[in-house]
Amino acid sequence: MSMDIEEWRQAMARGMSQTPFVAGLEGVTVEGGGGFCRMRLPYSHKLVGNPDTGVVHGGVITGMLDQCCGTAVGTGLPNPSAIATLDLRIDYMKPARPDADILFEARCLKVSHDVAFARGIAYQDSPDDPIANATAAFMLTNTGGAGMPLKPA
């Protein structure tokens, strides 16, 4: 079954929103395409790192930024390719406010022969007041069509 690149990108974005990490987080919404991704993580007491403050654990924010950057890269590739995180830098600016959703946005900046680069942000009220910034690099593996996401039945 052949699939054109736009169908592959859409299937890739759907697949990234169903990985075990994201599927294990209740209520996450994902929208993406054309090298951009936006995710919303509803606040949950299950995600809290310090029960005294109610602040979401930094590992959750790191994982969501990695996922968001990866989705942005995947939807921005010129050809189907498997991707893997090579490097992820997170700069935490402030703790997330308890009892509020966290938004994540990422954009694919550049795709070279075997590496792609993305930048992301986590925030609650405005991207101008970030919780964290991310810079990421992803390894690209030419799969020759193998490993391409399947169309939903």
Protein backbone atom coordinates (compact mmCIF):
# COMPACT_ATOMS: atom_id res chain seq x y z
CA MET A 1 0.00 0.00 0.00
CA SER A 2 1.59 3.25 -1.10
CA MET A 3 1.13 6.53 0.68
CA ASP A 4 2.05 10.03 -0.46
CA ILE A 5 4.18 12.26 1.75
CA GLU A 6 1.29 14.36 3.08
CA GLU A 7 -0.64 11.23 4.09
CA TRP A 8 2.53 9.96 5.76
CA ARG A 9 2.98 13.23 7.67
CA GLN A 10 -0.61 13.11 8.93
CA ALA A 11 -0.25 9.46 9.94
CA MET A 12 3.02 10.29 11.66
CA ALA A 13 1.39 13.11 13.69
CA ARG A 14 -1.45 10.76 14.70
CA GLY A 15 1.04 8.07 15.67
CA MET A 16 3.13 10.47 17.76
CA SER A 17 0.00 11.43 19.69
CA GLN A 18 -0.55 7.76 20.56
CA THR A 19 2.90 6.79 21.85
CA PRO A 20 2.91 5.08 25.27
CA PHE A 21 4.19 8.29 26.91
CA VAL A 22 1.41 10.51 25.56
CA ALA A 23 -1.28 7.82 25.78
CA GLY A 24 -0.44 7.44 29.47
CA LEU A 25 -1.23 11.11 30.07
CA GLU A 26 -4.95 11.75 30.21
CA GLY A 27 -6.50 14.32 27.90
CA VAL A 28 -3.47 15.39 25.87
CA THR A 29 -4.45 17.05 22.60
CA VAL A 30 -2.12 17.24 19.63
CA GLU A 31 -2.35 19.25 16.43
CA GLY A 32 0.41 19.51 13.94
CA GLY A 33 1.50 19.70 10.36
CA GLY A 34 3.96 21.41 8.08
CA GLY A 35 6.79 21.33 10.59
CA PHE A 36 4.73 22.70 13.49
CA CYS A 37 3.16 21.04 16.52
CA ARG A 38 1.00 22.26 19.39
CA MET A 39 0.08 20.11 22.40
CA ARG A 40 -2.06 20.77 25.46
CA LEU A 41 -1.49 18.87 28.70
CA PRO A 42 -4.35 19.17 31.18
CA TYR A 43 -3.27 19.61 34.79
CA SER A 44 -3.48 16.46 36.89
CA HIS A 45 -2.40 15.73 40.44
CA LYS A 46 -0.85 12.53 39.01
CA LEU A 47 1.80 14.70 37.29
CA VAL A 48 2.88 16.63 40.38
CA GLY A 49 6.52 16.38 41.38
CA ASN A 50 6.22 18.05 44.79
CA PRO A 51 2.92 17.51 46.62
CA ASP A 52 3.59 20.53 48.85
CA THR A 53 3.54 22.94 45.89
CA GLY A 54 1.39 21.08 43.33
CA VAL A 55 3.93 21.88 40.59
CA VAL A 56 4.09 19.51 37.61
CA HIS A 57 7.27 17.38 37.59
CA GLY A 58 10.02 18.66 35.31
CA GLY A 59 10.34 15.23 33.69
CA VAL A 60 6.80 15.52 32.36
CA ILE A 61 7.63 18.88 30.81
CA THR A 62 10.85 17.47 29.31
CA GLY A 63 9.01 14.48 27.85
CA MET A 64 6.27 16.66 26.35
CA LEU A 65 8.80 19.06 24.80
CA ASP A 66 10.69 16.11 23.28
CA GLN A 67 7.43 14.69 21.91
CA CYS A 68 6.29 18.06 20.55
CA CYS A 69 9.66 18.76 18.87
CA GLY A 70 9.70 15.25 17.40
CA THR A 71 6.20 15.69 16.00
CA ALA A 72 7.16 19.04 14.46
CA VAL A 73 10.17 17.43 12.81
CA GLY A 74 8.18 14.43 11.61
CA THR A 75 5.53 16.58 9.99
CA GLY A 76 8.18 18.76 8.35
CA LEU A 77 10.25 16.05 6.67
CA PRO A 78 10.48 16.14 2.88
CA ASN A 79 10.52 12.31 2.76
CA PRO A 80 9.38 9.56 5.14
CA SER A 81 12.04 8.80 7.70
CA ALA A 82 12.33 7.24 11.12
CA ILE A 83 13.54 9.74 13.73
CA ALA A 84 15.25 9.50 17.10
CA THR A 85 16.24 12.20 19.56
CA LEU A 86 19.98 12.88 19.41
CA ASP A 87 20.16 15.90 21.68
CA LEU A 88 17.63 17.71 23.82
CA ARG A 89 18.39 20.82 25.83
CA ILE A 90 15.77 22.19 28.20
CA ASP A 91 16.12 25.59 29.84
CA TYR A 92 13.67 25.86 32.72
CA MET A 93 12.57 29.44 33.26
CA LYS A 94 10.05 29.02 36.10
CA PRO A 95 7.79 26.38 37.63
CA ALA A 96 4.42 25.70 36.05
CA ARG A 97 1.50 27.17 37.94
CA PRO A 98 -0.51 24.45 39.74
CA ASP A 99 -4.06 23.67 38.57
CA ALA A 100 -3.49 25.07 35.06
CA ASP A 101 -3.00 23.34 31.70
CA ILE A 102 0.40 23.51 30.03
CA LEU A 103 0.76 24.30 26.33
CA PHE A 104 3.66 23.13 24.18
CA GLU A 105 4.62 24.45 20.76
CA ALA A 106 7.49 23.39 18.52
CA ARG A 107 8.75 24.18 15.06
CA CYS A 108 11.14 22.27 12.83
CA LEU A 109 13.93 24.71 11.98
CA LYS A 110 16.05 22.77 9.50
CA VAL A 111 16.27 19.33 7.93
CA SER A 112 19.67 18.20 6.64
CA HIS A 113 20.64 14.86 5.09
CA ASP A 114 20.60 12.92 8.36
CA VAL A 115 19.78 15.40 11.17
CA ALA A 116 16.81 17.70 11.81
CA PHE A 117 16.64 20.57 14.28
CA ALA A 118 13.69 21.93 16.25
CA ARG A 119 12.91 24.52 18.88
CA GLY A 120 10.07 24.30 21.38
CA ILE A 121 8.44 26.13 24.25
CA ALA A 122 6.23 25.24 27.22
CA TYR A 123 3.94 27.90 28.67
CA GLN A 124 0.59 28.47 30.34
CA ASP A 125 -0.71 31.95 29.61
CA SER A 126 1.57 33.31 26.90
CA PRO A 127 4.56 32.13 24.86
CA ASP A 128 6.19 35.37 25.97
CA ASP A 129 6.23 34.02 29.56
CA PRO A 130 7.68 30.50 29.14
CA ILE A 131 7.98 27.73 31.67
CA ALA A 132 10.74 26.15 29.59
CA ASN A 133 12.48 26.43 26.23
CA ALA A 134 13.81 23.45 24.26
CA THR A 135 16.37 23.00 21.52
CA ALA A 136 16.50 19.56 19.93
CA ALA A 137 18.31 17.57 17.27
CA PHE A 138 16.90 14.38 15.74
CA MET A 139 18.65 11.64 13.77
CA LEU A 140 16.94 10.76 10.49
CA THR A 141 17.07 7.23 9.10
CA ASN A 142 16.08 6.66 5.52
CA THR A 143 13.72 3.74 5.85
CA GLY A 144 12.90 3.46 2.16
CA GLY A 145 9.25 3.27 3.19
CA ALA A 146 9.77 0.62 5.87
CA GLY A 147 8.40 1.60 9.23
CA MET A 148 5.95 4.06 7.73
CA PRO A 149 2.80 4.50 9.79
CA LEU A 150 -0.20 2.61 8.54
CA LYS A 151 -3.43 4.25 7.51
CA PRO A 152 -6.17 3.91 10.10
CA ALA A 153 -8.65 1.17 9.27
